[in-house]
C-alpha cells in the first residue's frame, strides 16, 4: 500500500469530502433539507437541533478567514437556534483557534482523523476475520430498519458521543441514523449466528471512501465485529477509491481497529463549540 504524509492538500481533500457527504445526506439546499453555508474555504451544515451533522469542516484550509466569515458562521447557527460547532484542523490558518476563543467558543474535545492510501494493486492486506461473523450490505427494507436499530444501540454508549459531550437517547439516535442515507452510501450489517450485532456504512465521494457509523451492540463488544466490518468495507472499496478515511475518538478501541488495517492518524481536530443563548 502507498504511504503518505499529512499536508494541506490532503487535509483539504479529507475535510471537504466529509462535509460534502454530510451535505448530500442531509439534502442541503433542497426543499425540506438542511441549510448550508460555504465560508472561509470550508462549509457549515445545519440540520436540526441535536444533529451530529451540525458542524463546520474545512475552515481556514488554504483560504483566509475574515471576521466577516466568523460573523457569518455565528449568525448562521444563531438563526437556526443551535450551537455552532467548528471542527478545526491544525493545518488551518494560524491564529484561528485564539480568534474562536475570543468569540466565546469553548474547546470541547478532540477527534483523530485517520487515513489509508489504497494503491489499486489488489486488496489491502486485511487481517484475519472471525469466520463466525458475516458482513453483508443491506438489501431489503426490513434490513434498513434493522440497521437503524443496531447502529443506534451501539452509538447510545459509544465513545464518540462521550468525546463530544453529546447525550442523545436511543430514540433520538434512531431518528438521526434513519436520515443518514444517500445513494453514494452503502450500509452494512454484521451478523453472528443470524443475529444482527453491528452495523456501519461506507460512502464514496471524489475518490474517497469514508468509513462511518461503525457500531457494535454492547453484548458483542470485543468480539471482532468492527474488525469484520472494516475488512468488508475496504474489500468493497477496491477500484472505487484511492483514499480511505475514518474519524475516531483519540486512543479509542475504534482507532486501534483502524490502525490494524494500515490507517494512520494524519491530524487531530479540535472541536470548538459556541453555545446558543
C-alpha atoms as a PDB file:
ATOM      1  CA  UNK A   1       0.000   0.000   0.000  1.00  0.00           C
ATOM      2  CA  UNK A   2       1.157   3.553  -0.712  1.00  0.00           C
ATOM      3  CA  UNK A   3       2.343   5.780   2.096  1.00  0.00           C
ATOM      4  CA  UNK A   4       1.752   9.491   2.533  1.00  0.00           C
ATOM      5  CA  UNK A   5       2.181  12.333   4.981  1.00  0.00           C
ATOM      6  CA  UNK A   6      -0.199  14.986   6.260  1.00  0.00           C
ATOM      7  CA  UNK A   7      -0.276  18.053   4.036  1.00  0.00           C
ATOM      8  CA  UNK A   8      -2.582  20.966   3.379  1.00  0.00           C
ATOM      9  CA  UNK A   9      -3.717  19.354   0.122  1.00  0.00           C
ATOM     10  CA  UNK A  10      -4.548  16.088   1.878  1.00  0.00           C
ATOM     11  CA  UNK A  11      -6.344  17.885   4.721  1.00  0.00           C
ATOM     12  CA  UNK A  12      -8.460  19.850   2.238  1.00  0.00           C
ATOM     13  CA  UNK A  13      -9.398  16.667   0.430  1.00  0.00           C
ATOM     14  CA  UNK A  14     -10.315  14.821   3.619  1.00  0.00           C
ATOM     15  CA  UNK A  15     -12.263  17.587   5.376  1.00  0.00           C
ATOM     16  CA  UNK A  16     -14.129  18.691   2.272  1.00  0.00           C
ATOM     17  CA  UNK A  17     -15.027  15.127   1.264  1.00  0.00           C
ATOM     18  CA  UNK A  18     -16.538  14.545   4.686  1.00  0.00           C
ATOM     19  CA  UNK A  19     -18.537  17.780   4.855  1.00  0.00           C
ATOM     20  CA  UNK A  20     -19.734  17.397   1.257  1.00  0.00           C
ATOM     21  CA  UNK A  21     -21.052  13.959   2.136  1.00  0.00           C
ATOM     22  CA  UNK A  22     -22.794  15.455   5.197  1.00  0.00           C
ATOM     23  CA  UNK A  23     -24.408  17.999   2.883  1.00  0.00           C
ATOM     24  CA  UNK A  24     -25.555  15.286   0.477  1.00  0.00           C
ATOM     25  CA  UNK A  25     -27.037  13.007   3.114  1.00  0.00           C
ATOM     26  CA  UNK A  26     -28.759  15.973   4.798  1.00  0.00           C
ATOM     27  CA  UNK A  27     -30.099  17.126   1.402  1.00  0.00           C
ATOM     28  CA  UNK A  28     -28.604  20.564   1.963  1.00  0.00           C
ATOM     29  CA  UNK A  29     -30.144  23.203  -0.272  1.00  0.00           C
ATOM     30  CA  UNK A  30     -33.113  21.014  -1.226  1.00  0.00           C
ATOM     31  CA  UNK A  31     -36.701  21.723  -0.131  1.00  0.00           C
ATOM     32  CA  UNK A  32     -37.068  20.385   3.406  1.00  0.00           C
ATOM     33  CA  UNK A  33     -33.352  19.646   3.629  1.00  0.00           C
ATOM     34  CA  UNK A  34     -30.533  21.086   5.694  1.00  0.00           C
ATOM     35  CA  UNK A  35     -29.086  24.571   5.427  1.00  0.00           C
ATOM     36  CA  UNK A  36     -25.571  25.086   4.116  1.00  0.00           C
ATOM     37  CA  UNK A  37     -23.061  27.926   4.221  1.00  0.00           C
ATOM     38  CA  UNK A  38     -19.805  27.930   2.245  1.00  0.00           C
ATOM     39  CA  UNK A  39     -17.347  30.123   4.114  1.00  0.00           C
ATOM     40  CA  UNK A  40     -13.612  30.584   4.685  1.00  0.00           C
ATOM     41  CA  UNK A  41     -12.615  27.651   2.496  1.00  0.00           C
ATOM     42  CA  UNK A  42     -14.969  25.274   4.314  1.00  0.00           C
ATOM     43  CA  UNK A  43     -18.638  24.550   4.777  1.00  0.00           C
ATOM     44  CA  UNK A  44     -21.152  24.833   7.604  1.00  0.00           C
ATOM     45  CA  UNK A  45     -24.156  22.464   7.811  1.00  0.00           C
ATOM     46  CA  UNK A  46     -27.234  22.788   9.997  1.00  0.00           C
ATOM     47  CA  UNK A  47     -29.880  20.059  10.004  1.00  0.00           C
ATOM     48  CA  UNK A  48     -31.887  20.277  13.238  1.00  0.00           C
ATOM     49  CA  UNK A  49     -31.155  20.719  16.951  1.00  0.00           C
ATOM     50  CA  UNK A  50     -29.093  17.801  18.262  1.00  0.00           C
ATOM     51  CA  UNK A  51     -27.969  16.504  14.868  1.00  0.00           C
ATOM     52  CA  UNK A  52     -24.319  15.339  14.713  1.00  0.00           C
ATOM     53  CA  UNK A  53     -24.231  16.804  11.192  1.00  0.00           C
ATOM     54  CA  UNK A  54     -24.424  20.348  12.599  1.00  0.00           C
ATOM     55  CA  UNK A  55     -20.807  21.357  12.124  1.00  0.00           C
ATOM     56  CA  UNK A  56     -18.186  23.273  10.178  1.00  0.00           C
ATOM     57  CA  UNK A  57     -15.321  21.497   8.428  1.00  0.00           C
ATOM     58  CA  UNK A  58     -12.534  22.765   6.201  1.00  0.00           C
ATOM     59  CA  UNK A  59     -12.466  26.241   7.713  1.00  0.00           C
ATOM     60  CA  UNK A  60      -9.196  28.039   7.013  1.00  0.00           C
ATOM     61  CA  UNK A  61      -7.649  25.261   4.948  1.00  0.00           C
ATOM     62  CA  UNK A  62      -5.833  27.065   2.159  1.00  0.00           C
ATOM     63  CA  UNK A  63      -8.091  30.092   2.493  1.00  0.00           C
ATOM     64  CA  UNK A  64      -8.120  33.219   4.668  1.00  0.00           C
ATOM     65  CA  UNK A  65     -10.813  33.553   7.318  1.00  0.00           C
ATOM     66  CA  UNK A  66     -12.032  37.101   7.912  1.00  0.00           C
ATOM     67  CA  UNK A  67     -14.003  38.430  10.856  1.00  0.00           C
ATOM     68  CA  UNK A  68     -16.929  38.717   8.461  1.00  0.00           C
ATOM     69  CA  UNK A  69     -16.608  34.974   7.782  1.00  0.00           C
ATOM     70  CA  UNK A  70     -16.750  34.196  11.502  1.00  0.00           C
ATOM     71  CA  UNK A  71     -19.704  36.583  11.912  1.00  0.00           C
ATOM     72  CA  UNK A  72     -21.486  34.713   9.120  1.00  0.00           C
ATOM     73  CA  UNK A  73     -20.952  31.361  10.871  1.00  0.00           C
ATOM     74  CA  UNK A  74     -22.233  32.706  14.194  1.00  0.00           C
ATOM     75  CA  UNK A  75     -25.286  34.273  12.548  1.00  0.00           C
ATOM     76  CA  UNK A  76     -25.965  31.102  10.549  1.00  0.00           C
ATOM     77  CA  UNK A  77     -26.256  28.937  13.657  1.00  0.00           C
ATOM     78  CA  UNK A  78     -27.943  31.616  15.773  1.00  0.00           C
ATOM     79  CA  UNK A  79     -30.611  31.901  13.102  1.00  0.00           C
ATOM     80  CA  UNK A  80     -31.289  28.174  13.480  1.00  0.00           C
ATOM     81  CA  UNK A  81     -31.053  28.385  17.289  1.00  0.00           C
ATOM     82  CA  UNK A  82     -28.405  25.695  17.623  1.00  0.00           C
ATOM     83  CA  UNK A  83     -24.831  25.785  18.957  1.00  0.00           C
ATOM     84  CA  UNK A  84     -22.079  26.468  16.435  1.00  0.00           C
ATOM     85  CA  UNK A  85     -19.555  23.625  16.243  1.00  0.00           C
ATOM     86  CA  UNK A  86     -16.304  24.151  14.362  1.00  0.00           C
ATOM     87  CA  UNK A  87     -14.073  21.095  13.966  1.00  0.00           C
ATOM     88  CA  UNK A  88     -10.735  22.752  13.327  1.00  0.00           C
ATOM     89  CA  UNK A  89      -7.859  21.083  11.507  1.00  0.00           C
ATOM     90  CA  UNK A  90      -4.400  22.023  12.857  1.00  0.00           C
ATOM     91  CA  UNK A  91      -3.321  22.866   9.299  1.00  0.00           C
ATOM     92  CA  UNK A  92      -5.802  25.754   9.173  1.00  0.00           C
ATOM     93  CA  UNK A  93      -4.528  29.337   9.003  1.00  0.00           C
ATOM     94  CA  UNK A  94      -2.528  30.467  12.025  1.00  0.00           C
ATOM     95  CA  UNK A  95      -4.268  32.107  14.960  1.00  0.00           C
ATOM     96  CA  UNK A  96      -7.753  30.818  14.198  1.00  0.00           C
ATOM     97  CA  UNK A  97      -8.190  28.902  17.452  1.00  0.00           C
ATOM     98  CA  UNK A  98      -7.372  32.005  19.517  1.00  0.00           C
ATOM     99  CA  UNK A  99      -9.850  34.056  17.494  1.00  0.00           C
ATOM    100  CA  UNK A 100     -12.563  31.478  18.121  1.00  0.00           C
ATOM    101  CA  UNK A 101     -11.822  31.511  21.863  1.00  0.00           C
ATOM    102  CA  UNK A 102     -12.120  35.305  21.878  1.00  0.00           C
ATOM    103  CA  UNK A 103     -15.602  34.938  20.368  1.00  0.00           C
ATOM    104  CA  UNK A 104     -16.787  32.647  23.152  1.00  0.00           C
ATOM    105  CA  UNK A 105     -16.053  29.288  21.557  1.00  0.00           C
ATOM    106  CA  UNK A 106     -15.060  26.624  24.072  1.00  0.00           C
ATOM    107  CA  UNK A 107     -12.777  23.704  23.311  1.00  0.00           C
ATOM    108  CA  UNK A 108     -14.990  20.654  23.866  1.00  0.00           C
ATOM    109  CA  UNK A 109     -12.638  17.883  22.829  1.00  0.00           C
ATOM    110  CA  UNK A 110     -10.566  16.334  20.084  1.00  0.00           C
ATOM    111  CA  UNK A 111     -11.069  13.788  17.333  1.00  0.00           C
ATOM    112  CA  UNK A 112      -8.491  11.910  15.319  1.00  0.00           C
ATOM    113  CA  UNK A 113      -8.688  11.890  11.556  1.00  0.00           C
ATOM    114  CA  UNK A 114      -7.240   8.690  10.120  1.00  0.00           C
ATOM    115  CA  UNK A 115      -6.471   7.832   6.523  1.00  0.00           C
ATOM    116  CA  UNK A 116      -5.180   4.942   4.482  1.00  0.00           C
ATOM    117  CA  UNK A 117      -3.926   5.125   0.900  1.00  0.00           C
ATOM    118  CA  UNK A 118      -5.372   2.456  -1.398  1.00  0.00           C
ATOM    119  CA  UNK A 119      -2.897   1.752  -4.173  1.00  0.00           C
ATOM    120  CA  UNK A 120      -5.230  -0.064  -6.552  1.00  0.00           C
ATOM    121  CA  UNK A 121      -2.935  -3.090  -6.870  1.00  0.00           C
ATOM    122  CA  UNK A 122      -5.388  -5.511  -5.306  1.00  0.00           C
ATOM    123  CA  UNK A 123      -6.978  -5.809  -1.904  1.00  0.00           C
ATOM    124  CA  UNK A 124      -5.315  -4.042   1.000  1.00  0.00           C
ATOM    125  CA  UNK A 125      -3.580  -6.510   3.337  1.00  0.00           C
ATOM    126  CA  UNK A 126      -6.534  -7.469   5.502  1.00  0.00           C
ATOM    127  CA  UNK A 127      -6.053  -9.133   8.914  1.00  0.00           C
ATOM    128  CA  UNK A 128      -7.848 -12.386   9.644  1.00  0.00           C
ATOM    129  CA  UNK A 129     -11.572 -12.054  10.323  1.00  0.00           C
ATOM    130  CA  UNK A 130     -13.594 -14.357  12.577  1.00  0.00           C
ATOM    131  CA  UNK A 131     -15.437 -16.634  10.148  1.00  0.00           C
ATOM    132  CA  UNK A 132     -18.432 -16.905  12.511  1.00  0.00           C
ATOM    133  CA  UNK A 133     -19.270 -13.306  11.599  1.00  0.00           C
ATOM    134  CA  UNK A 134     -20.967 -12.435   8.313  1.00  0.00           C
ATOM    135  CA  UNK A 135     -20.968  -8.925   6.858  1.00  0.00           C
ATOM    136  CA  UNK A 136     -23.344  -8.004   4.048  1.00  0.00           C
ATOM    137  CA  UNK A 137     -24.800  -4.815   2.560  1.00  0.00           C
ATOM    138  CA  UNK A 138     -28.412  -4.122   3.462  1.00  0.00           C
ATOM    139  CA  UNK A 139     -30.696  -5.151   0.612  1.00  0.00           C
ATOM    140  CA  UNK A 140     -34.259  -5.370   1.957  1.00  0.00           C
ATOM    141  CA  UNK A 141     -36.379  -2.683   3.581  1.00  0.00           C
ATOM    142  CA  UNK A 142     -36.507  -4.661   6.819  1.00  0.00           C
ATOM    143  CA  UNK A 143     -32.693  -4.730   6.792  1.00  0.00           C
ATOM    144  CA  UNK A 144     -32.664  -0.932   6.618  1.00  0.00           C
ATOM    145  CA  UNK A 145     -34.779  -0.606   9.760  1.00  0.00           C
ATOM    146  CA  UNK A 146     -32.706  -3.267  11.497  1.00  0.00           C
ATOM    147  CA  UNK A 147     -29.563  -1.315  10.593  1.00  0.00           C
ATOM    148  CA  UNK A 148     -31.027   1.825  12.163  1.00  0.00           C
ATOM    149  CA  UNK A 149     -31.835  -0.028  15.382  1.00  0.00           C
ATOM    150  CA  UNK A 150     -28.494  -1.822  15.692  1.00  0.00           C
ATOM    151  CA  UNK A 151     -26.371   1.249  14.992  1.00  0.00           C
ATOM    152  CA  UNK A 152     -28.458   3.350  17.388  1.00  0.00           C
ATOM    153  CA  UNK A 153     -27.947   0.711  20.094  1.00  0.00           C
ATOM    154  CA  UNK A 154     -24.216   0.781  19.509  1.00  0.00           C
ATOM    155  CA  UNK A 155     -23.883   4.547  19.475  1.00  0.00           C
ATOM    156  CA  UNK A 156     -26.022   5.028  22.582  1.00  0.00           C
ATOM    157  CA  UNK A 157     -22.923   4.106  24.598  1.00  0.00           C
ATOM    158  CA  UNK A 158     -20.247   4.895  22.022  1.00  0.00           C
ATOM    159  CA  UNK A 159     -17.008   6.677  22.837  1.00  0.00           C
ATOM    160  CA  UNK A 160     -17.618   9.178  20.056  1.00  0.00           C
ATOM    161  CA  UNK A 161     -20.680  10.649  21.758  1.00  0.00           C
ATOM    162  CA  UNK A 162     -18.861  10.995  25.071  1.00  0.00           C
ATOM    163  CA  UNK A 163     -15.971  12.730  23.326  1.00  0.00           C
ATOM    164  CA  UNK A 164     -18.351  15.392  22.026  1.00  0.00           C
ATOM    165  CA  UNK A 165     -20.330  15.698  25.258  1.00  0.00           C
ATOM    166  CA  UNK A 166     -23.464  14.593  23.425  1.00  0.00           C
ATOM    167  CA  UNK A 167     -26.350  12.984  25.266  1.00  0.00           C
ATOM    168  CA  UNK A 168     -28.808  11.526  22.777  1.00  0.00           C
ATOM    169  CA  UNK A 169     -31.471   8.997  23.690  1.00  0.00           C
ATOM    170  CA  UNK A 170     -31.906   5.756  21.764  1.00  0.00           C
ATOM    171  CA  UNK A 171     -34.995   7.199  20.054  1.00  0.00           C
ATOM    172  CA  UNK A 172     -33.082  10.364  19.127  1.00  0.00           C
ATOM    173  CA  UNK A 173     -30.301   8.260  17.667  1.00  0.00           C
ATOM    174  CA  UNK A 174     -32.763   6.191  15.670  1.00  0.00           C
ATOM    175  CA  UNK A 175     -34.065   9.385  14.100  1.00  0.00           C
ATOM    176  CA  UNK A 176     -30.547  10.560  13.280  1.00  0.00           C
ATOM    177  CA  UNK A 177     -29.497   7.222  11.797  1.00  0.00           C
ATOM    178  CA  UNK A 178     -32.699   6.844   9.786  1.00  0.00           C
ATOM    179  CA  UNK A 179     -31.919  10.085   7.989  1.00  0.00           C
ATOM    180  CA  UNK A 180     -28.257   9.181   7.472  1.00  0.00           C
ATOM    181  CA  UNK A 181     -28.718   7.835   3.967  1.00  0.00           C
ATOM    182  CA  UNK A 182     -27.668   8.701   0.438  1.00  0.00           C
ATOM    183  CA  UNK A 183     -27.177   6.960  -2.887  1.00  0.00           C
ATOM    184  CA  UNK A 184     -23.384   7.225  -2.559  1.00  0.00           C
ATOM    185  CA  UNK A 185     -23.525   5.267   0.692  1.00  0.00           C
ATOM    186  CA  UNK A 186     -23.642   1.521   1.376  1.00  0.00           C
ATOM    187  CA  UNK A 187     -24.952   0.281   4.709  1.00  0.00           C
ATOM    188  CA  UNK A 188     -23.614  -2.953   6.201  1.00  0.00           C
ATOM    189  CA  UNK A 189     -24.955  -5.335   8.832  1.00  0.00           C
ATOM    190  CA  UNK A 190     -22.809  -7.778  10.793  1.00  0.00           C
ATOM    191  CA  UNK A 191     -24.484 -10.968  11.981  1.00  0.00           C
ATOM    192  CA  UNK A 192     -23.424 -13.677  14.419  1.00  0.00           C
ATOM    193  CA  UNK A 193     -25.473 -16.894  14.351  1.00  0.00           C
ATOM    194  CA  UNK A 194     -28.158 -14.994  12.452  1.00  0.00           C
ATOM    195  CA  UNK A 195     -28.376 -12.163  14.988  1.00  0.00           C
ATOM    196  CA  UNK A 196     -27.554  -8.621  13.884  1.00  0.00           C
ATOM    197  CA  UNK A 197     -24.776  -7.459  16.217  1.00  0.00           C
ATOM    198  CA  UNK A 198     -23.268  -4.462  14.437  1.00  0.00           C
ATOM    199  CA  UNK A 199     -23.573  -2.061  11.560  1.00  0.00           C
ATOM    200  CA  UNK A 200     -21.746   0.628   9.682  1.00  0.00           C
ATOM    201  CA  UNK A 201     -21.620   2.466   6.394  1.00  0.00           C
ATOM    202  CA  UNK A 202     -19.206   3.458   3.659  1.00  0.00           C
ATOM    203  CA  UNK A 203     -19.663   6.444   1.376  1.00  0.00           C
ATOM    204  CA  UNK A 204     -17.845   7.359  -1.797  1.00  0.00           C
ATOM    205  CA  UNK A 205     -17.155  10.908  -2.885  1.00  0.00           C
ATOM    206  CA  UNK A 206     -14.399  12.370  -5.073  1.00  0.00           C
ATOM    207  CA  UNK A 207     -12.317   9.188  -4.978  1.00  0.00           C
ATOM    208  CA  UNK A 208     -12.508   8.955  -1.195  1.00  0.00           C
ATOM    209  CA  UNK A 209     -14.234   6.182   0.745  1.00  0.00           C
ATOM    210  CA  UNK A 210     -15.370   7.288   4.181  1.00  0.00           C
ATOM    211  CA  UNK A 211     -15.956   4.574   6.774  1.00  0.00           C
ATOM    212  CA  UNK A 212     -18.527   5.932   9.186  1.00  0.00           C
ATOM    213  CA  UNK A 213     -21.162   4.964  11.717  1.00  0.00           C
ATOM    214  CA  UNK A 214     -19.494   1.684  12.698  1.00  0.00           C
ATOM    215  CA  UNK A 215     -21.171   0.489  15.881  1.00  0.00           C
ATOM    216  CA  UNK A 216     -21.491  -2.764  17.836  1.00  0.00           C
ATOM    217  CA  UNK A 217     -24.260  -3.668  20.267  1.00  0.00           C
ATOM    218  CA  UNK A 218     -22.954  -3.772  23.866  1.00  0.00           C
ATOM    219  CA  UNK A 219     -23.275  -7.554  24.285  1.00  0.00           C
ATOM    220  CA  UNK A 220     -20.837  -8.185  21.415  1.00  0.00           C
ATOM    221  CA  UNK A 221     -18.123  -5.638  22.117  1.00  0.00           C
ATOM    222  CA  UNK A 222     -14.611  -7.017  21.896  1.00  0.00           C
ATOM    223  CA  UNK A 223     -15.544  -9.906  19.590  1.00  0.00           C
ATOM    224  CA  UNK A 224     -14.166  -8.552  16.332  1.00  0.00           C
ATOM    225  CA  UNK A 225     -17.416  -7.112  14.949  1.00  0.00           C
ATOM    226  CA  UNK A 226     -15.954  -3.766  13.904  1.00  0.00           C
ATOM    227  CA  UNK A 227     -12.854  -5.574  12.629  1.00  0.00           C
ATOM    228  CA  UNK A 228     -15.011  -7.681  10.299  1.00  0.00           C
ATOM    229  CA  UNK A 229     -16.916  -4.601   9.131  1.00  0.00           C
ATOM    230  CA  UNK A 230     -13.795  -2.635   8.218  1.00  0.00           C
ATOM    231  CA  UNK A 231     -12.363  -5.613   6.323  1.00  0.00           C
ATOM    232  CA  UNK A 232     -15.500  -5.939   4.193  1.00  0.00           C
ATOM    233  CA  UNK A 233     -15.742  -2.201   3.520  1.00  0.00           C
ATOM    234  CA  UNK A 234     -12.126  -1.991   2.358  1.00  0.00           C
ATOM    235  CA  UNK A 235     -12.540  -5.049   0.168  1.00  0.00           C
ATOM    236  CA  UNK A 236     -15.596  -3.486  -1.484  1.00  0.00           C
ATOM    237  CA  UNK A 237     -13.755  -0.182  -1.959  1.00  0.00           C
ATOM    238  CA  UNK A 238     -11.130  -1.766  -4.212  1.00  0.00           C
ATOM    239  CA  UNK A 239     -11.072   0.003  -7.553  1.00  0.00           C
ATOM    240  CA  UNK A 240     -13.539   2.671  -6.422  1.00  0.00           C
ATOM    241  CA  UNK A 241     -11.325   4.896  -4.262  1.00  0.00           C
ATOM    242  CA  UNK A 242      -7.662   5.708  -3.771  1.00  0.00           C
ATOM    243  CA  UNK A 243      -8.057   7.015  -0.210  1.00  0.00           C
ATOM    244  CA  UNK A 244      -9.962   5.652   2.812  1.00  0.00           C
ATOM    245  CA  UNK A 245     -10.760   7.859   5.810  1.00  0.00           C
ATOM    246  CA  UNK A 246     -12.284   7.429   9.263  1.00  0.00           C
ATOM    247  CA  UNK A 247     -12.760   9.625  12.337  1.00  0.00           C
ATOM    248  CA  UNK A 248     -12.371   8.281  15.882  1.00  0.00           C
ATOM    249  CA  UNK A 249     -12.050   9.408  19.469  1.00  0.00           C
ATOM    250  CA  UNK A 250      -8.345   9.652  20.377  1.00  0.00           C
ATOM    251  CA  UNK A 251      -6.962   6.429  21.844  1.00  0.00           C
ATOM    252  CA  UNK A 252     -10.255   4.613  21.378  1.00  0.00           C
ATOM    253  CA  UNK A 253     -10.834   0.966  20.544  1.00  0.00           C
ATOM    254  CA  UNK A 254     -12.065   2.117  17.144  1.00  0.00           C
ATOM    255  CA  UNK A 255      -8.775   3.875  16.472  1.00  0.00           C
ATOM    256  CA  UNK A 256      -6.842   0.720  17.283  1.00  0.00           C
ATOM    257  CA  UNK A 257      -9.074  -1.298  14.944  1.00  0.00           C
ATOM    258  CA  UNK A 258      -8.441   1.032  12.015  1.00  0.00           C
ATOM    259  CA  UNK A 259      -4.710   1.094  12.700  1.00  0.00           C
ATOM    260  CA  UNK A 260      -4.588  -2.697  12.321  1.00  0.00           C
ATOM    261  CA  UNK A 261      -5.704  -2.152   8.730  1.00  0.00           C
ATOM    262  CA  UNK A 262      -2.951   0.337   7.933  1.00  0.00           C
ATOM    263  CA  UNK A 263      -4.788   3.551   8.810  1.00  0.00           C
ATOM    264  CA  UNK A 264      -2.687   6.287  10.396  1.00  0.00           C
ATOM    265  CA  UNK A 265      -3.634   9.438  12.284  1.00  0.00           C
ATOM    266  CA  UNK A 266      -2.942  12.305   9.889  1.00  0.00           C
ATOM    267  CA  UNK A 267      -4.117  15.075  12.211  1.00  0.00           C
ATOM    268  CA  UNK A 268      -6.218  15.722  15.289  1.00  0.00           C
ATOM    269  CA  UNK A 269      -9.124  18.145  15.009  1.00  0.00           C
ATOM    270  CA  UNK A 270     -10.017  20.458  17.872  1.00  0.00           C
ATOM    271  CA  UNK A 271     -13.770  20.669  18.419  1.00  0.00           C
ATOM    272  CA  UNK A 272     -14.838  24.217  19.313  1.00  0.00           C
ATOM    273  CA  UNK A 273     -18.429  24.928  20.366  1.00  0.00           C
ATOM    274  CA  UNK A 274     -20.192  28.247  20.851  1.00  0.00           C
ATOM    275  CA  UNK A 275     -23.427  27.877  22.805  1.00  0.00           C
ATOM    276  CA  UNK A 276     -26.661  29.390  21.504  1.00  0.00           C
ATOM    277  CA  UNK A 277     -28.189  31.743  24.041  1.00  0.00           C
END
